[in-house]
Protein backbone atom coordinates (compact mmCIF):
# COMPACT_ATOMS: atom_id res chain seq x y z
CA MET A 1 0.00 0.00 0.00
CA ARG A 2 2.76 2.49 0.85
CA LEU A 3 3.65 3.68 -2.63
CA LEU A 4 5.07 6.90 -1.19
CA GLY A 5 7.36 4.79 0.96
CA ALA A 6 8.23 2.53 -1.96
CA THR A 7 9.16 5.55 -4.05
CA LEU A 8 11.44 6.85 -1.32
CA LEU A 9 13.09 3.44 -1.11
CA ALA A 10 13.99 3.75 -4.76
CA THR A 11 15.00 7.40 -4.75
CA THR A 12 15.99 9.05 -1.48
CA CYS A 13 16.18 7.37 1.91
CA PRO A 14 15.15 3.80 2.73
CA PHE A 15 11.83 3.35 4.49
CA VAL A 16 12.82 0.86 7.15
CA PRO A 17 10.75 0.60 10.37
CA LEU A 18 12.75 1.45 13.47
CA HIS A 19 11.17 -1.41 15.41
CA ALA A 20 9.42 -4.68 14.84
CA GLN A 21 5.67 -4.23 14.61
CA ASP A 22 3.91 -3.67 17.93
CA THR A 23 0.21 -4.25 18.58
CA VAL A 24 -1.46 -2.00 21.16
CA ARG A 25 -5.05 -2.20 22.39
CA PHE A 26 -6.29 1.12 23.73
CA THR A 27 -9.67 2.10 25.18
CA PRO A 28 -10.05 5.91 25.20
CA THR A 29 -11.43 7.57 28.33
CA ILE A 30 -10.69 11.25 27.55
CA GLN A 31 -12.52 13.36 24.97
CA GLN A 32 -10.54 16.28 23.59
CA PRO A 33 -12.32 19.43 22.34
CA THR A 34 -9.42 20.68 20.20
CA PHE A 35 -6.44 19.57 18.14
CA ALA A 36 -3.42 20.89 20.06
CA VAL A 37 -0.25 19.93 21.89
CA ARG A 38 -1.20 18.54 25.31
CA GLU A 39 -0.31 15.65 27.60
CA PRO A 40 -0.55 12.48 25.49
CA VAL A 41 -3.08 9.79 26.39
CA LEU A 42 -0.83 7.11 24.90
CA ARG A 43 2.74 6.70 23.71
CA ILE A 44 3.57 4.27 20.92
CA ARG A 45 6.57 3.35 18.83
CA PRO A 46 6.61 3.64 15.05
CA ASN A 47 5.20 0.66 13.16
CA THR A 48 2.45 0.06 15.74
CA VAL A 49 -0.94 -1.48 15.00
CA LEU A 50 -3.45 0.35 17.18
CA ILE A 51 -6.70 -1.46 18.02
CA SER A 52 -9.11 1.08 19.45
CA GLN A 53 -12.40 2.93 18.98
CA THR A 54 -13.70 6.44 18.57
CA ASN A 55 -15.25 8.14 21.58
CA PHE A 56 -18.91 7.46 22.26
CA GLY A 57 -21.36 10.32 22.79
CA ALA A 58 -25.02 10.92 23.55
CA TYR A 59 -25.31 12.45 20.07
CA TYR A 60 -25.55 8.92 18.67
CA THR A 61 -28.40 7.76 20.91
CA GLU A 62 -32.14 7.74 20.36
CA GLU A 63 -32.53 10.73 22.68
CA GLY A 64 -29.61 12.74 21.29
CA GLY A 65 -27.16 14.97 23.12
CA ALA A 66 -23.65 16.37 22.96
CA PHE A 67 -21.18 15.37 20.24
CA PRO A 68 -18.10 13.53 21.56
CA GLY A 69 -14.56 14.86 21.45
CA GLU A 70 -11.49 13.41 19.76
CA VAL A 71 -9.27 10.51 20.78
CA GLY A 72 -5.73 11.67 21.50
CA PRO A 73 -3.20 12.94 21.41
CA ILE A 74 -1.12 9.83 20.81
CA LEU A 75 2.60 10.54 20.92
CA VAL A 76 4.70 8.65 18.39
CA GLU A 77 8.13 8.15 19.88
CA GLY A 78 10.96 9.44 17.72
CA ALA A 79 8.70 11.38 15.34
CA THR A 80 10.26 14.71 14.32
CA THR A 81 9.27 17.68 12.21
CA SER A 82 11.53 16.26 9.48
CA ASP A 83 9.28 13.20 9.14
CA VAL A 84 5.81 12.34 7.84
CA LEU A 85 3.23 10.51 9.96
CA VAL A 86 1.75 7.47 8.22
CA VAL A 87 -1.71 6.25 9.28
CA GLU A 88 -2.95 3.16 7.47
CA ILE A 89 -6.63 2.37 8.03
CA LEU A 90 -6.74 -1.40 8.28
CA ARG A 91 -10.29 -1.72 9.56
CA ILE A 92 -13.20 0.53 10.52
CA ARG A 93 -16.62 -0.76 11.55
CA PRO A 94 -19.61 0.66 13.47
CA ASN A 95 -19.81 -0.73 17.00
CA TYR A 96 -23.23 0.73 17.93
CA PRO A 97 -26.63 -0.04 16.38
CA LEU A 98 -27.67 3.59 15.81
CA ALA A 99 -26.34 6.56 13.86
CA ALA A 100 -27.67 10.13 13.86
CA SER A 101 -27.86 12.86 11.25
CA ARG A 102 -29.69 16.17 11.16
CA VAL A 103 -30.48 19.30 9.21
CA ARG A 104 -30.73 22.68 10.90
CA PRO A 105 -30.64 26.41 10.16
CA GLU A 106 -27.29 28.13 9.62
CA PHE A 107 -25.33 24.90 9.18
CA GLY A 108 -25.02 22.96 5.95
CA GLY A 109 -24.11 23.56 2.36
CA LEU A 110 -27.62 24.66 1.35
CA SER A 111 -28.48 26.75 4.41
CA ALA A 112 -28.14 30.45 5.05
CA ASP A 113 -24.66 31.37 6.24
CA ALA A 114 -24.46 32.39 9.89
CA ARG A 115 -22.10 35.20 8.81
CA VAL A 116 -24.52 36.77 6.32
CA ARG A 117 -28.13 37.87 6.77
CA LEU A 118 -30.57 36.62 4.11
CA LEU A 119 -34.31 37.08 3.53
CA ASN A 120 -35.28 33.45 2.99
CA ASP A 121 -36.84 31.41 5.78
CA PRO A 122 -34.41 29.22 7.74
CA ILE A 123 -34.20 25.46 7.25
CA PRO A 124 -36.16 23.66 10.00
CA THR A 125 -34.30 21.60 12.56
CA ARG A 126 -34.81 17.88 12.01
CA ARG A 127 -32.99 14.92 13.51
CA TYR A 128 -32.85 11.50 11.86
CA VAL A 129 -32.04 8.30 13.75
CA TRP A 130 -30.62 5.60 11.49
CA ARG A 131 -30.82 1.96 12.55
CA LEU A 132 -27.70 0.06 11.53
CA ASP A 133 -27.68 -3.56 10.48
CA ARG A 134 -24.02 -4.31 11.05
CA ASP A 135 -24.25 -7.79 9.52
CA ARG A 136 -25.81 -6.60 6.27
CA MET A 137 -23.95 -3.27 6.49
CA THR A 138 -27.05 -1.16 5.88
CA ALA A 139 -28.72 1.81 7.54
CA THR A 140 -32.46 2.55 7.64
CA THR A 141 -34.33 5.69 8.72
CA GLU A 142 -37.91 6.93 8.66
CA LEU A 143 -39.02 9.67 6.24
CA PRO A 144 -42.49 10.42 7.65
CA ASN A 145 -43.22 13.35 5.33
CA SER A 146 -42.16 11.59 2.13
CA ARG A 147 -43.97 9.15 -0.12
CA ALA A 148 -41.47 6.34 0.55
CA ARG A 149 -41.83 6.69 4.36
CA ARG A 150 -38.43 5.08 4.92
CA ILE A 151 -35.12 4.49 3.14
CA GLU A 152 -32.33 1.93 3.39
CA ILE A 153 -28.77 2.66 2.23
CA ASP A 154 -25.53 0.67 2.31
CA LEU A 155 -22.79 1.58 4.79
CA GLN A 156 -19.41 2.98 3.77
CA PRO A 157 -17.61 3.56 7.12
CA MET A 158 -15.03 6.36 7.30
CA LEU A 159 -13.24 8.63 9.73
CA GLY A 160 -14.12 12.31 9.48
CA ARG A 161 -11.14 13.39 11.58
CA VAL A 162 -7.48 12.35 11.54
CA ALA A 163 -4.98 14.96 12.65
CA VAL A 164 -1.69 15.94 14.18
CA ALA A 165 -1.24 18.87 16.54
CA PRO A 166 -1.19 22.13 14.51
CA ARG A 167 1.74 24.54 14.30
CA GLY A 168 3.12 26.31 17.34
CA ALA A 169 0.65 26.93 20.16
CA GLU A 170 -2.38 26.81 17.85
CA ALA A 171 -5.49 24.91 18.95
CA PHE A 172 -8.29 24.21 16.50
CA GLY A 173 -11.78 23.06 17.48
CA GLY A 174 -12.98 19.68 16.27
CA LEU A 175 -14.89 21.17 13.30
CA TRP A 176 -11.73 22.58 11.69
CA PRO A 177 -9.71 21.00 8.87
CA GLY A 178 -6.32 22.33 7.80
CA ASP A 179 -2.79 21.41 6.85
CA PHE A 180 -2.70 19.38 10.08
CA GLY A 181 -5.56 17.18 8.81
CA GLY A 182 -8.43 17.55 11.26
CA ASN A 183 -12.09 17.49 10.26
CA MET A 184 -11.53 16.91 6.55
CA ASP A 185 -14.71 14.78 6.27
CA ALA A 186 -13.33 13.03 3.19
CA PRO A 187 -15.18 9.79 2.37
CA GLU A 188 -11.87 8.57 0.93
CA ILE A 189 -10.52 8.18 4.50
CA ARG A 190 -11.82 4.67 4.89
CA GLU A 191 -10.62 1.10 5.14
CA GLY A 192 -7.77 0.47 2.71
CA THR A 193 -6.57 4.10 2.65
CA THR A 194 -3.24 5.34 3.98
CA VAL A 195 -3.13 8.92 5.26
CA TYR A 196 0.14 10.88 5.28
CA LEU A 197 0.26 13.91 7.61
CA PRO A 198 2.91 16.60 8.07
CA ILE A 199 4.41 16.81 11.57
CA PHE A 200 4.68 20.19 13.31
CA HIS A 201 5.88 19.00 16.74
CA ASP A 202 8.23 16.22 17.76
CA GLY A 203 6.04 13.27 18.69
CA ALA A 204 3.35 14.23 16.12
CA TYR A 205 0.49 14.22 18.69
CA PHE A 206 -1.96 12.18 16.62
CA TYR A 207 -5.76 12.49 16.98
CA PHE A 208 -8.69 10.64 15.42
CA GLY A 209 -12.49 10.58 15.70
CA ASP A 210 -15.80 11.49 14.05
CA GLY A 211 -16.85 8.10 12.74
CA HIS A 212 -19.37 8.17 9.89
CA ALA A 213 -21.20 5.00 8.89
CA ARG A 214 -21.67 6.79 5.59
CA GLN A 215 -21.33 10.32 4.22
CA GLY A 216 -21.87 11.80 0.79
CA HIS A 217 -19.22 13.97 -0.84
CA GLY A 218 -19.50 17.54 0.40
CA GLU A 219 -21.33 16.52 3.59
CA VAL A 220 -23.91 18.86 2.11
CA ALA A 221 -26.52 18.72 4.89
CA GLY A 222 -23.87 19.21 7.59
CA THR A 223 -23.55 15.69 9.02
CA GLY A 224 -22.78 12.15 8.00
CA LEU A 225 -24.30 9.11 9.68
CA GLU A 226 -22.54 9.95 12.94
CA THR A 227 -21.79 6.94 15.13
CA SER A 228 -19.18 5.12 17.19
CA MET A 229 -16.52 3.05 15.42
CA ASP A 230 -14.07 0.24 16.12
CA VAL A 231 -10.81 1.02 14.33
CA VAL A 232 -7.56 -0.73 13.56
CA LEU A 233 -4.79 1.63 12.44
CA ARG A 234 -1.14 1.02 11.58
CA ILE A 235 0.86 4.09 12.64
CA ASP A 236 4.34 4.62 11.29
CA LEU A 237 6.79 7.25 10.01
CA LEU A 238 8.44 8.22 6.76
CA ARG A 239 11.86 9.41 7.86
CA GLY A 240 13.57 12.47 6.43
CA ARG A 241 10.60 13.63 4.38
CA THR A 242 8.19 16.57 4.69
CA ILE A 243 4.91 17.45 2.98
CA ASP A 244 2.74 20.57 3.16
CA TRP A 245 -0.79 19.08 3.05
CA PRO A 246 -2.37 15.74 3.94
CA ARG A 247 -1.84 13.08 1.32
CA LEU A 248 -3.94 9.96 0.86
CA GLU A 249 -3.38 6.72 -1.01
CA ASN A 250 -5.38 3.62 -1.81
CA ASP A 251 -5.11 0.90 -4.43
CA ARG A 252 -6.45 3.19 -7.18
CA TYR A 253 -5.27 6.74 -6.46
CA ILE A 254 -2.73 9.04 -4.93
CA MET A 255 -4.64 11.98 -3.44
CA VAL A 256 -4.17 15.32 -1.68
CA ALA A 257 -6.64 17.04 0.66
CA GLY A 258 -6.54 20.85 0.66
CA SER A 259 -8.65 22.92 3.06
CA ALA A 260 -9.50 26.62 2.89
CA ARG A 261 -12.21 29.19 2.18
CA PRO A 262 -13.25 30.11 -0.46
CA LEU A 263 -13.71 26.71 -2.10
CA ILE A 264 -11.47 27.64 -5.04
CA ASP A 265 -8.53 28.03 -2.65
CA ALA A 266 -9.06 24.53 -1.25
CA PHE A 267 -9.18 23.29 -4.86
CA ARG A 268 -5.95 25.07 -5.74
CA LEU A 269 -4.07 23.89 -2.64
CA ALA A 270 -4.97 20.25 -3.28
CA HIS A 271 -3.99 20.37 -6.94
CA VAL A 272 -0.73 22.30 -6.43
CA GLU A 273 0.41 19.74 -3.85
CA LEU A 274 -0.56 16.92 -6.22
CA VAL A 275 1.53 18.46 -9.02
CA GLU A 276 4.47 18.72 -6.62
CA TRP A 277 4.03 15.09 -5.55
CA LEU A 278 4.14 13.95 -9.18
CA GLU A 279 7.19 16.12 -9.78
CA GLN A 280 9.13 15.10 -6.67
CA ASP A 281 8.41 11.37 -6.49
CA TYR A 282 7.36 10.21 -9.94
CA GLY A 283 9.72 11.99 -12.33
CA PHE A 284 7.23 14.35 -13.96
CA ASP A 285 8.30 17.74 -15.21
CA ARG A 286 6.18 20.30 -13.34
CA TRP A 287 4.38 21.61 -16.42
CA ASP A 288 3.97 18.12 -17.87
CA ALA A 289 2.37 17.09 -14.57
CA TYR A 290 0.08 20.12 -14.74
CA ALA A 291 -0.92 19.26 -18.30
CA VAL A 292 -1.59 15.59 -17.52
CA LEU A 293 -3.50 16.53 -14.38
CA GLY A 294 -5.79 18.61 -16.57
CA GLN A 295 -6.84 15.47 -18.43
CA VAL A 296 -6.98 12.69 -15.82
CA VAL A 297 -7.44 14.22 -12.36
CA GLU A 298 -10.60 13.36 -10.43
CA SER A 299 -11.57 15.98 -7.85
CA THR A 300 -14.12 15.57 -5.08
CA VAL A 301 -15.47 18.07 -2.59
CA ALA A 302 -15.13 16.50 0.85
CA ASN A 303 -16.99 19.18 2.81
CA VAL A 304 -18.63 22.55 2.20
CA VAL A 305 -19.95 23.01 5.73
CA ASP A 306 -16.94 23.34 8.05
CA PRO A 307 -15.07 26.56 8.94
CA ALA A 308 -12.74 25.64 6.06
CA TYR A 309 -13.84 23.64 3.02
CA THR A 310 -11.94 20.55 1.84
CA VAL A 311 -11.23 19.35 -1.70
CA VAL A 312 -9.55 16.03 -2.55
CA ALA A 313 -7.51 15.91 -5.78
CA LYS A 314 -7.07 12.33 -7.04
CA PHE A 315 -4.54 11.05 -9.60
CA PRO A 316 -5.28 7.55 -10.97
CA LYS A 317 -2.36 5.21 -10.35
CA ARG A 318 -2.75 3.60 -13.76
CA PHE A 319 -1.20 6.74 -15.27
CA LEU A 320 1.90 6.65 -13.08
CA PRO A 321 5.19 5.56 -14.67
CA LEU A 322 5.47 1.76 -14.61
CA ALA A 323 8.65 1.80 -12.50
CA THR A 324 6.86 3.49 -9.61
CA ARG A 325 3.67 1.42 -9.51
CA PRO A 326 3.25 -0.96 -6.58
């Protein structure tokens, strides 16, 4: 899976784990409200398989309530600001029979913006409880005002939030995405995907959370199917390498997630970093990469509801030079 690592093995510095693989089981008991440097809840070595779960919250229950905080920070021993954090999502599955979603005024891609007064009536507040069949991997909810009365959809579990501590003394609330990762809400961050994150503090201070049983691209109504998840992650380092924005990889694509407002800036950030990745690791001339990107790139909008929007730029692996394919 680690094509970035394989490329480095062939070009710059070998990607050799510092330690034999560890396996750590961890049950979180602390819910963090922000991504920041703070006392770690766990310390692990590189090349560790972490068996854990996202935090549970009343938000997921029939009655509803507060949204849970993040798991973390997890300190990765030996991680430096000259390295890249590698998070491979080996498994992610709902561990609770309900998920919740909602629509409400002043939050969501089709609502009035809280920053700008408009004349149209606000969207009503509605909460939907989805019943999960974890054997069939489906979710069902009632639609009492619609002709169908109910709907069933298939599950596509993902993590809305994977992050490192941001630069300096910065602390970002759980809704924020950025160059540190955070609340990117990208459906691509699912089982079989490897996430590469820049490191701004020695130890990395890794966070994760915000399990979605399913979420459409853009998270247009403001939420996914929010629920609790069991996760298995392999956490490692790429030594002697830095990146500017989160990078993703699965069996079909190399990808970059850029986050900003306005949306065009998120689009530009993701695509500039993707051009640089092709140039640095795959032997493309910069302008050749730009030209090829214009013909084969696949871009998705991860979210248009958070304080910063997120765009994922995706380059199909089948167009990479043969020598660098896995």
